[in-house]
N, C-alpha and C. Protein backbone atom coordinates (compact mmCIF):
# COMPACT_ATOMS: atom_id res chain seq x y z
N UNK A 1 -17.70 -12.43 2.32
CA UNK A 1 -17.23 -11.08 2.25
C UNK A 1 -17.94 -10.18 3.19
N UNK A 2 -19.00 -10.64 3.92
CA UNK A 2 -19.73 -9.74 4.71
C UNK A 2 -19.03 -9.57 6.11
N UNK A 3 -18.12 -10.41 6.48
CA UNK A 3 -17.53 -10.40 7.76
C UNK A 3 -16.15 -9.73 7.83
N UNK A 4 -15.66 -9.16 6.77
CA UNK A 4 -14.33 -8.54 6.84
C UNK A 4 -14.37 -7.34 7.75
N UNK A 5 -13.26 -7.18 8.50
CA UNK A 5 -13.13 -6.03 9.33
C UNK A 5 -12.02 -5.14 8.73
N UNK A 6 -12.39 -4.03 8.04
CA UNK A 6 -11.45 -3.16 7.43
C UNK A 6 -11.21 -2.01 8.38
N UNK A 7 -9.97 -1.59 8.41
CA UNK A 7 -9.51 -0.43 9.18
C UNK A 7 -8.66 0.48 8.32
N UNK A 8 -8.53 1.74 8.65
CA UNK A 8 -7.65 2.63 8.00
C UNK A 8 -6.52 2.89 8.98
N UNK A 9 -5.34 2.66 8.59
CA UNK A 9 -4.14 2.89 9.44
C UNK A 9 -3.36 4.03 8.85
N UNK A 10 -3.03 5.06 9.66
CA UNK A 10 -2.23 6.18 9.29
C UNK A 10 -1.01 6.24 10.24
N UNK A 11 0.15 6.09 9.59
CA UNK A 11 1.32 6.16 10.47
C UNK A 11 2.63 6.16 9.61
N UNK A 12 3.74 5.66 10.28
CA UNK A 12 4.99 5.58 9.57
C UNK A 12 5.54 4.16 9.64
N UNK A 13 6.27 3.81 8.59
CA UNK A 13 6.93 2.48 8.56
C UNK A 13 8.11 2.49 9.55
N UNK A 14 8.17 1.45 10.34
CA UNK A 14 9.29 1.33 11.37
C UNK A 14 10.58 0.84 10.81
N UNK A 15 10.55 0.26 9.61
CA UNK A 15 11.69 -0.33 8.94
C UNK A 15 11.38 -0.40 7.41
N UNK A 16 12.37 -0.69 6.65
CA UNK A 16 12.09 -0.90 5.21
C UNK A 16 11.31 -2.19 5.12
N UNK A 17 10.32 -2.25 4.15
CA UNK A 17 9.60 -3.49 3.96
C UNK A 17 10.46 -4.65 3.60
N UNK A 18 10.12 -5.84 4.16
CA UNK A 18 10.91 -7.02 3.86
C UNK A 18 10.13 -7.82 2.76
N UNK A 19 10.80 -8.01 1.67
CA UNK A 19 10.16 -8.70 0.46
C UNK A 19 10.75 -10.11 0.43
N UNK A 20 9.88 -11.02 0.28
CA UNK A 20 10.32 -12.47 0.08
C UNK A 20 9.35 -13.12 -0.92
N UNK A 21 9.69 -14.29 -1.41
CA UNK A 21 8.86 -14.97 -2.37
C UNK A 21 8.51 -16.40 -1.77
N UNK A 22 7.15 -16.69 -1.86
CA UNK A 22 6.67 -17.96 -1.33
C UNK A 22 7.03 -19.11 -2.23
N UNK A 23 6.59 -20.30 -1.90
CA UNK A 23 6.96 -21.53 -2.64
C UNK A 23 6.42 -21.43 -4.03
N UNK A 24 5.28 -20.77 -4.24
CA UNK A 24 4.68 -20.73 -5.59
C UNK A 24 5.37 -19.57 -6.42
N UNK A 25 6.22 -18.83 -5.78
CA UNK A 25 6.88 -17.68 -6.45
C UNK A 25 6.20 -16.34 -6.26
N UNK A 26 5.08 -16.33 -5.58
CA UNK A 26 4.36 -15.03 -5.31
C UNK A 26 5.10 -14.19 -4.29
N UNK A 27 5.14 -12.90 -4.49
CA UNK A 27 5.75 -11.99 -3.59
C UNK A 27 4.90 -11.73 -2.32
N UNK A 28 5.68 -11.59 -1.25
CA UNK A 28 5.11 -11.26 0.09
C UNK A 28 5.91 -10.12 0.71
N UNK A 29 5.25 -9.04 1.08
CA UNK A 29 5.94 -7.88 1.73
C UNK A 29 5.40 -7.90 3.19
N UNK A 30 6.33 -7.82 4.12
CA UNK A 30 6.01 -7.70 5.58
C UNK A 30 6.66 -6.39 6.06
N UNK A 31 5.83 -5.72 6.88
CA UNK A 31 6.38 -4.46 7.43
C UNK A 31 5.43 -4.10 8.61
N UNK A 32 5.88 -3.10 9.43
CA UNK A 32 5.14 -2.58 10.52
C UNK A 32 4.90 -1.09 10.37
N UNK A 33 3.71 -0.75 10.67
CA UNK A 33 3.27 0.66 10.61
C UNK A 33 3.04 1.09 12.09
N UNK A 34 3.81 2.12 12.55
CA UNK A 34 3.53 2.71 13.86
C UNK A 34 2.56 3.85 13.77
N UNK A 35 1.46 3.74 14.39
CA UNK A 35 0.37 4.71 14.36
C UNK A 35 0.20 5.27 15.77
N UNK A 36 0.30 6.61 15.82
CA UNK A 36 -0.03 7.29 17.09
C UNK A 36 -0.66 8.61 16.88
N UNK A 37 -1.57 8.91 17.70
CA UNK A 37 -2.33 10.16 17.55
C UNK A 37 -1.67 11.27 18.46
N UNK A 38 -1.88 12.45 18.12
CA UNK A 38 -1.48 13.60 18.93
C UNK A 38 -2.74 14.32 19.43
N UNK A 39 -2.68 14.71 20.62
CA UNK A 39 -3.81 15.45 21.19
C UNK A 39 -3.29 16.73 21.87
N UNK A 40 -4.05 17.78 21.69
CA UNK A 40 -3.71 19.04 22.28
C UNK A 40 -4.12 19.10 23.76
N UNK A 41 -3.05 19.30 24.58
CA UNK A 41 -3.36 19.37 26.04
C UNK A 41 -3.54 20.90 26.33
N UNK A 42 -4.72 21.29 26.66
CA UNK A 42 -5.06 22.73 26.91
C UNK A 42 -4.29 23.22 28.15
N UNK A 43 -4.21 22.39 29.14
CA UNK A 43 -3.56 22.85 30.34
C UNK A 43 -2.05 23.16 30.21
N UNK A 44 -1.35 22.36 29.30
CA UNK A 44 0.04 22.57 29.07
C UNK A 44 0.25 23.42 27.83
N UNK A 45 -0.82 23.70 27.11
CA UNK A 45 -0.76 24.49 25.82
C UNK A 45 0.21 23.90 24.82
N UNK A 46 0.12 22.56 24.67
CA UNK A 46 0.98 21.86 23.70
C UNK A 46 0.41 20.56 23.22
N UNK A 47 0.90 20.06 22.14
CA UNK A 47 0.48 18.78 21.64
C UNK A 47 1.26 17.68 22.40
N UNK A 48 0.60 16.62 22.68
CA UNK A 48 1.21 15.50 23.32
C UNK A 48 0.88 14.21 22.47
N UNK A 49 1.92 13.37 22.34
CA UNK A 49 1.75 12.07 21.66
C UNK A 49 1.05 11.10 22.50
N UNK A 50 0.11 10.37 21.94
CA UNK A 50 -0.45 9.27 22.66
C UNK A 50 0.44 7.99 22.41
N UNK A 51 0.19 6.97 23.15
CA UNK A 51 1.03 5.72 22.92
C UNK A 51 0.83 5.16 21.52
N UNK A 52 1.88 4.74 20.91
CA UNK A 52 1.88 4.21 19.58
C UNK A 52 1.25 2.79 19.50
N UNK A 53 0.56 2.52 18.42
CA UNK A 53 0.05 1.14 18.14
C UNK A 53 0.87 0.65 17.01
N UNK A 54 1.53 -0.53 17.10
CA UNK A 54 2.34 -1.12 16.03
C UNK A 54 1.55 -2.14 15.29
N UNK A 55 1.28 -1.90 14.06
CA UNK A 55 0.45 -2.80 13.23
C UNK A 55 1.41 -3.65 12.34
N UNK A 56 1.41 -4.95 12.56
CA UNK A 56 2.15 -5.84 11.70
C UNK A 56 1.36 -6.05 10.45
N UNK A 57 1.98 -5.80 9.26
CA UNK A 57 1.20 -5.77 8.04
C UNK A 57 1.88 -6.76 7.00
N UNK A 58 0.95 -7.27 6.17
CA UNK A 58 1.48 -8.09 5.01
C UNK A 58 0.69 -7.71 3.74
N UNK A 59 1.41 -7.78 2.62
CA UNK A 59 0.81 -7.57 1.32
C UNK A 59 1.35 -8.63 0.44
N UNK A 60 0.58 -8.86 -0.66
CA UNK A 60 0.88 -10.03 -1.56
C UNK A 60 0.96 -9.57 -3.03
N UNK A 61 1.59 -10.45 -3.78
CA UNK A 61 1.74 -10.36 -5.22
C UNK A 61 2.30 -9.00 -5.70
N UNK A 62 1.74 -8.43 -6.74
CA UNK A 62 2.31 -7.20 -7.32
C UNK A 62 2.34 -6.08 -6.31
N UNK A 63 1.29 -5.98 -5.46
CA UNK A 63 1.32 -4.88 -4.48
C UNK A 63 2.50 -5.05 -3.50
N UNK A 64 2.92 -6.25 -3.16
CA UNK A 64 4.11 -6.52 -2.35
C UNK A 64 5.37 -5.94 -2.96
N UNK A 65 5.47 -6.17 -4.20
CA UNK A 65 6.67 -5.68 -4.92
C UNK A 65 6.68 -4.18 -5.10
N UNK A 66 5.46 -3.62 -5.34
CA UNK A 66 5.35 -2.15 -5.46
C UNK A 66 5.66 -1.50 -4.09
N UNK A 67 5.24 -2.09 -2.97
CA UNK A 67 5.53 -1.55 -1.69
C UNK A 67 7.03 -1.58 -1.43
N UNK A 68 7.66 -2.67 -1.79
CA UNK A 68 9.08 -2.81 -1.49
C UNK A 68 9.89 -1.84 -2.33
N UNK A 69 9.42 -1.53 -3.54
CA UNK A 69 10.12 -0.57 -4.39
C UNK A 69 9.82 0.89 -4.09
N UNK A 70 8.75 1.15 -3.45
CA UNK A 70 8.30 2.53 -3.21
C UNK A 70 8.46 3.09 -1.82
N UNK A 71 8.34 2.29 -0.79
CA UNK A 71 8.28 2.72 0.60
C UNK A 71 9.56 2.34 1.36
N UNK A 72 9.97 3.18 2.23
CA UNK A 72 11.19 2.97 3.07
C UNK A 72 10.86 3.30 4.53
N UNK A 73 11.81 2.94 5.39
CA UNK A 73 11.65 3.28 6.75
C UNK A 73 11.36 4.75 6.93
N UNK A 74 10.36 5.10 7.76
CA UNK A 74 9.98 6.39 8.06
C UNK A 74 8.96 7.00 7.14
N UNK A 75 8.60 6.27 6.07
CA UNK A 75 7.56 6.76 5.11
C UNK A 75 6.23 6.93 5.86
N UNK A 76 5.62 8.13 5.63
CA UNK A 76 4.31 8.32 6.15
C UNK A 76 3.30 7.73 5.17
N UNK A 77 2.46 6.90 5.65
CA UNK A 77 1.49 6.10 4.78
C UNK A 77 0.11 6.15 5.36
N UNK A 78 -0.82 5.90 4.44
CA UNK A 78 -2.21 5.61 4.82
C UNK A 78 -2.55 4.27 4.18
N UNK A 79 -3.10 3.39 4.94
CA UNK A 79 -3.34 1.99 4.45
C UNK A 79 -4.70 1.58 4.83
N UNK A 80 -5.34 0.82 3.90
CA UNK A 80 -6.61 0.17 4.19
C UNK A 80 -6.32 -1.33 4.33
N UNK A 81 -6.74 -1.89 5.43
CA UNK A 81 -6.30 -3.23 5.81
C UNK A 81 -7.49 -4.04 6.32
N UNK A 82 -7.41 -5.35 6.05
CA UNK A 82 -8.41 -6.34 6.66
C UNK A 82 -7.72 -6.95 7.77
N UNK A 83 -8.36 -7.00 8.93
CA UNK A 83 -7.86 -7.56 10.11
C UNK A 83 -7.97 -9.10 10.06
N UNK A 84 -6.92 -9.76 10.39
CA UNK A 84 -6.98 -11.24 10.43
C UNK A 84 -6.33 -11.72 11.72
N UNK A 85 -6.87 -12.56 12.44
CA UNK A 85 -6.40 -13.22 13.65
C UNK A 85 -6.01 -14.63 13.42
N UNK A 86 -4.90 -15.00 13.97
CA UNK A 86 -4.50 -16.38 13.92
C UNK A 86 -3.89 -16.80 15.20
N UNK A 87 -4.05 -18.10 15.47
CA UNK A 87 -3.47 -18.66 16.75
C UNK A 87 -2.33 -19.59 16.36
N UNK A 88 -1.39 -19.67 17.25
CA UNK A 88 -0.27 -20.59 17.10
C UNK A 88 0.31 -20.99 18.45
N UNK A 89 1.18 -21.87 18.48
CA UNK A 89 1.81 -22.41 19.67
C UNK A 89 3.28 -22.07 19.61
N UNK A 90 3.87 -21.50 20.68
CA UNK A 90 5.31 -21.26 20.69
C UNK A 90 6.09 -22.54 20.91
N UNK A 91 7.37 -22.44 20.78
CA UNK A 91 8.25 -23.59 21.05
C UNK A 91 8.15 -24.06 22.45
N UNK A 92 7.80 -23.12 23.39
CA UNK A 92 7.62 -23.51 24.76
C UNK A 92 6.28 -24.11 25.06
N UNK A 93 5.38 -24.19 24.09
CA UNK A 93 4.11 -24.78 24.26
C UNK A 93 3.03 -23.80 24.64
N UNK A 94 3.33 -22.51 24.67
CA UNK A 94 2.32 -21.49 25.00
C UNK A 94 1.46 -21.15 23.74
N UNK A 95 0.15 -21.01 24.03
CA UNK A 95 -0.75 -20.65 22.94
C UNK A 95 -0.85 -19.15 22.88
N UNK A 96 -0.70 -18.63 21.65
CA UNK A 96 -0.80 -17.23 21.35
C UNK A 96 -1.71 -16.95 20.20
N UNK A 97 -2.33 -15.76 20.23
CA UNK A 97 -3.15 -15.30 19.20
C UNK A 97 -2.66 -13.91 18.75
N UNK A 98 -2.47 -13.68 17.47
CA UNK A 98 -2.11 -12.36 16.98
C UNK A 98 -3.05 -11.86 15.97
N UNK A 99 -3.17 -10.56 15.90
CA UNK A 99 -4.00 -9.93 14.89
C UNK A 99 -3.06 -9.17 13.96
N UNK A 100 -3.16 -9.43 12.69
CA UNK A 100 -2.39 -8.89 11.66
C UNK A 100 -3.25 -8.09 10.71
N UNK A 101 -2.60 -7.19 10.04
CA UNK A 101 -3.33 -6.34 8.99
C UNK A 101 -2.86 -6.80 7.59
N UNK A 102 -3.85 -7.32 6.89
CA UNK A 102 -3.60 -7.73 5.48
C UNK A 102 -3.94 -6.47 4.61
N UNK A 103 -2.94 -5.87 4.00
CA UNK A 103 -3.12 -4.62 3.30
C UNK A 103 -3.89 -4.87 1.92
N UNK A 104 -4.94 -4.01 1.84
CA UNK A 104 -5.77 -4.04 0.67
C UNK A 104 -5.34 -2.85 -0.30
N UNK A 105 -4.92 -1.70 0.31
CA UNK A 105 -4.47 -0.59 -0.44
C UNK A 105 -3.58 0.24 0.45
N UNK A 106 -2.56 0.91 -0.12
CA UNK A 106 -1.65 1.71 0.69
C UNK A 106 -1.07 2.73 -0.26
N UNK A 107 -0.70 3.89 0.39
CA UNK A 107 -0.04 4.90 -0.39
C UNK A 107 0.62 5.94 0.56
N UNK A 108 1.41 6.85 -0.01
CA UNK A 108 2.09 7.77 0.86
C UNK A 108 0.98 8.78 1.41
N UNK A 109 1.26 9.24 2.61
CA UNK A 109 0.37 10.26 3.22
C UNK A 109 0.84 11.63 2.68
N UNK A 110 0.06 12.13 1.75
CA UNK A 110 0.47 13.41 1.08
C UNK A 110 0.35 14.62 1.97
N UNK A 111 -0.01 14.46 3.20
CA UNK A 111 0.09 15.58 4.16
C UNK A 111 1.60 15.89 4.45
N UNK A 112 2.43 14.87 4.34
CA UNK A 112 3.80 14.96 4.68
C UNK A 112 4.79 14.76 3.53
N UNK A 113 4.29 14.45 2.37
CA UNK A 113 5.20 14.15 1.29
C UNK A 113 4.48 14.53 -0.12
N UNK A 114 5.29 14.46 -1.13
CA UNK A 114 4.69 14.52 -2.49
C UNK A 114 5.08 13.25 -3.17
N UNK A 115 4.31 12.85 -4.17
CA UNK A 115 4.54 11.61 -4.87
C UNK A 115 4.29 11.77 -6.41
N UNK A 116 5.06 11.15 -7.19
CA UNK A 116 4.79 11.04 -8.61
C UNK A 116 4.43 9.61 -8.90
N UNK A 117 3.23 9.36 -9.35
CA UNK A 117 2.77 7.99 -9.51
C UNK A 117 3.16 7.46 -10.86
N UNK A 118 3.65 6.27 -10.90
CA UNK A 118 4.00 5.56 -12.14
C UNK A 118 3.28 4.19 -12.13
N UNK A 119 2.89 3.72 -13.28
CA UNK A 119 2.29 2.45 -13.39
C UNK A 119 3.36 1.36 -13.45
N UNK A 120 3.39 0.35 -12.59
CA UNK A 120 4.31 -0.69 -12.56
C UNK A 120 3.94 -1.71 -13.64
N UNK A 121 4.91 -2.10 -14.37
CA UNK A 121 4.66 -3.14 -15.43
C UNK A 121 5.51 -4.33 -15.06
N UNK A 122 4.79 -5.43 -14.78
CA UNK A 122 5.42 -6.64 -14.30
C UNK A 122 5.70 -7.55 -15.49
N UNK A 123 6.88 -8.28 -15.38
CA UNK A 123 7.22 -9.29 -16.41
C UNK A 123 7.11 -10.68 -15.81
N UNK A 124 5.90 -11.19 -15.92
CA UNK A 124 5.64 -12.56 -15.37
C UNK A 124 5.41 -12.67 -13.92
N UNK A 125 5.41 -11.60 -13.18
CA UNK A 125 5.13 -11.65 -11.75
C UNK A 125 6.16 -12.32 -10.88
N UNK A 126 7.40 -12.43 -11.42
CA UNK A 126 8.46 -13.11 -10.58
C UNK A 126 9.50 -12.16 -10.09
N UNK A 127 9.09 -10.97 -9.67
CA UNK A 127 10.04 -10.06 -9.07
C UNK A 127 10.75 -9.11 -10.12
N UNK A 128 10.32 -9.12 -11.38
CA UNK A 128 10.94 -8.19 -12.27
C UNK A 128 9.93 -7.14 -12.67
N UNK A 129 10.34 -5.88 -12.63
CA UNK A 129 9.40 -4.84 -13.02
C UNK A 129 10.11 -3.69 -13.66
N UNK A 130 9.35 -2.92 -14.41
CA UNK A 130 9.83 -1.71 -14.88
C UNK A 130 8.74 -0.60 -14.70
N UNK A 131 9.05 0.45 -14.02
CA UNK A 131 8.03 1.52 -13.82
C UNK A 131 7.85 2.35 -15.03
N UNK A 132 6.58 2.51 -15.33
CA UNK A 132 6.26 3.36 -16.51
C UNK A 132 5.51 4.53 -16.03
N UNK A 133 5.75 5.70 -16.61
CA UNK A 133 4.93 6.88 -16.25
C UNK A 133 3.46 6.56 -16.49
N UNK A 134 2.60 7.09 -15.68
CA UNK A 134 1.17 6.80 -15.67
C UNK A 134 0.56 7.10 -17.03
N UNK A 135 1.11 8.07 -17.81
CA UNK A 135 0.46 8.46 -19.06
C UNK A 135 1.00 7.60 -20.16
N UNK A 136 1.93 6.64 -20.00
CA UNK A 136 2.42 5.90 -21.12
C UNK A 136 1.41 4.87 -21.63
N UNK A 137 1.56 4.45 -22.85
CA UNK A 137 0.59 3.56 -23.51
C UNK A 137 0.86 2.14 -23.04
N UNK A 138 -0.07 1.43 -22.51
CA UNK A 138 0.02 0.10 -22.05
C UNK A 138 -0.60 -0.89 -23.05
N UNK A 139 0.00 -2.07 -23.28
CA UNK A 139 -0.56 -2.98 -24.26
C UNK A 139 -1.96 -3.42 -23.80
N UNK A 140 -2.93 -3.41 -24.74
CA UNK A 140 -4.27 -3.90 -24.50
C UNK A 140 -5.17 -2.86 -23.89
N UNK A 141 -4.71 -1.64 -23.66
CA UNK A 141 -5.53 -0.59 -23.07
C UNK A 141 -6.20 0.29 -24.09
N UNK A 142 -6.03 0.03 -25.32
CA UNK A 142 -6.71 0.86 -26.35
C UNK A 142 -5.90 2.03 -26.74
N UNK A 143 -6.40 2.83 -27.64
CA UNK A 143 -5.62 4.01 -28.01
C UNK A 143 -5.89 5.16 -27.08
N UNK A 144 -4.90 6.00 -26.94
CA UNK A 144 -5.05 7.22 -26.12
C UNK A 144 -6.14 8.15 -26.68
N UNK A 145 -6.91 8.76 -25.84
CA UNK A 145 -7.96 9.67 -26.34
C UNK A 145 -7.45 10.80 -27.05
N UNK A 146 -8.31 11.42 -27.94
CA UNK A 146 -7.86 12.52 -28.72
C UNK A 146 -7.65 13.76 -27.95
N UNK A 147 -8.43 13.94 -26.83
CA UNK A 147 -8.27 15.10 -25.97
C UNK A 147 -7.36 14.78 -24.77
N UNK A 148 -6.59 15.71 -24.35
CA UNK A 148 -5.72 15.49 -23.23
C UNK A 148 -6.52 15.26 -21.97
N UNK A 149 -5.99 14.43 -21.09
CA UNK A 149 -6.61 14.19 -19.80
C UNK A 149 -6.35 15.35 -18.89
N UNK A 150 -7.36 16.00 -18.26
CA UNK A 150 -7.12 17.23 -17.45
C UNK A 150 -6.23 16.93 -16.20
N UNK A 151 -6.19 15.67 -15.77
CA UNK A 151 -5.35 15.29 -14.62
C UNK A 151 -3.91 14.99 -14.95
N UNK A 152 -3.64 14.89 -16.20
CA UNK A 152 -2.22 14.47 -16.58
C UNK A 152 -1.28 15.63 -16.85
N UNK A 153 -1.76 16.81 -16.62
CA UNK A 153 -0.85 18.02 -16.88
C UNK A 153 -0.67 18.33 -18.31
N UNK A 154 -1.71 17.96 -19.13
CA UNK A 154 -1.64 18.22 -20.57
C UNK A 154 -1.07 17.11 -21.39
N UNK A 155 -0.66 15.98 -20.71
CA UNK A 155 -0.13 14.85 -21.46
C UNK A 155 -1.26 13.89 -21.83
N UNK A 156 -1.06 13.06 -22.91
CA UNK A 156 -2.09 12.13 -23.24
C UNK A 156 -2.27 11.02 -22.23
N UNK A 157 -3.51 10.55 -22.02
CA UNK A 157 -3.70 9.54 -21.04
C UNK A 157 -3.70 8.12 -21.65
N UNK A 158 -3.41 7.16 -20.88
CA UNK A 158 -3.38 5.75 -21.40
C UNK A 158 -4.68 5.06 -21.09
N UNK A 159 -5.63 5.74 -20.44
CA UNK A 159 -6.89 5.16 -20.09
C UNK A 159 -7.79 4.98 -21.31
N UNK A 160 -8.64 3.96 -21.32
CA UNK A 160 -9.57 3.88 -22.49
C UNK A 160 -10.50 5.08 -22.59
N UNK A 161 -10.77 5.48 -23.83
CA UNK A 161 -11.51 6.72 -24.03
C UNK A 161 -13.00 6.43 -24.16
N UNK A 162 -13.48 5.20 -24.32
CA UNK A 162 -14.87 4.89 -24.52
C UNK A 162 -15.61 5.04 -23.18
N UNK A 163 -16.68 5.93 -23.17
CA UNK A 163 -17.50 6.00 -21.93
C UNK A 163 -18.18 4.72 -21.73
N UNK A 164 -18.28 4.33 -20.49
CA UNK A 164 -18.92 3.06 -20.14
C UNK A 164 -18.16 1.80 -20.50
N UNK A 165 -16.96 1.94 -21.04
CA UNK A 165 -16.10 0.76 -21.34
C UNK A 165 -15.55 0.14 -20.07
N UNK A 166 -14.92 -0.97 -20.22
CA UNK A 166 -14.45 -1.63 -19.08
C UNK A 166 -13.29 -0.88 -18.42
N UNK A 167 -13.23 -0.86 -17.09
CA UNK A 167 -12.14 -0.24 -16.29
C UNK A 167 -10.92 -1.03 -16.52
N UNK A 168 -9.74 -0.42 -16.52
CA UNK A 168 -8.55 -1.14 -16.77
C UNK A 168 -7.96 -1.85 -15.59
N UNK A 169 -8.72 -1.78 -14.46
CA UNK A 169 -8.21 -2.50 -13.25
C UNK A 169 -9.15 -3.52 -12.78
């Protein structure tokens, strides 16, 4: 765990995420994030775009399904990713190395959008889900606290109310 190279990528999806299922039935989402910075050019008195970097990204299991259900082409996102390099040989016999971003966390860039978060509830992890509002009661999470959660807009929270209790994630 000491050698992981994590980066933060801020950009936009170049296409809708592609969702597929592996041989074991686990979900895999593949997508590309285009990231480019803008810099103010004092001499021209305007912002200019730098060249874009296109990050090929992958996410797995429940996160893959959540990405496919939540994000679309053009979505502004912020992602935390682990860089992974792999080598392969093309059909023509050329050796190539690519660096890909394995997504650890991703969400909408709230500088450009608003979002209403819901807790995804999976049924067996085989591509079926039902989104539940974040404040709904989830099985095995204990009783809702007697006081309203200040972050829920006055609605009851589904998080465990015991201080120091186990985190639900």
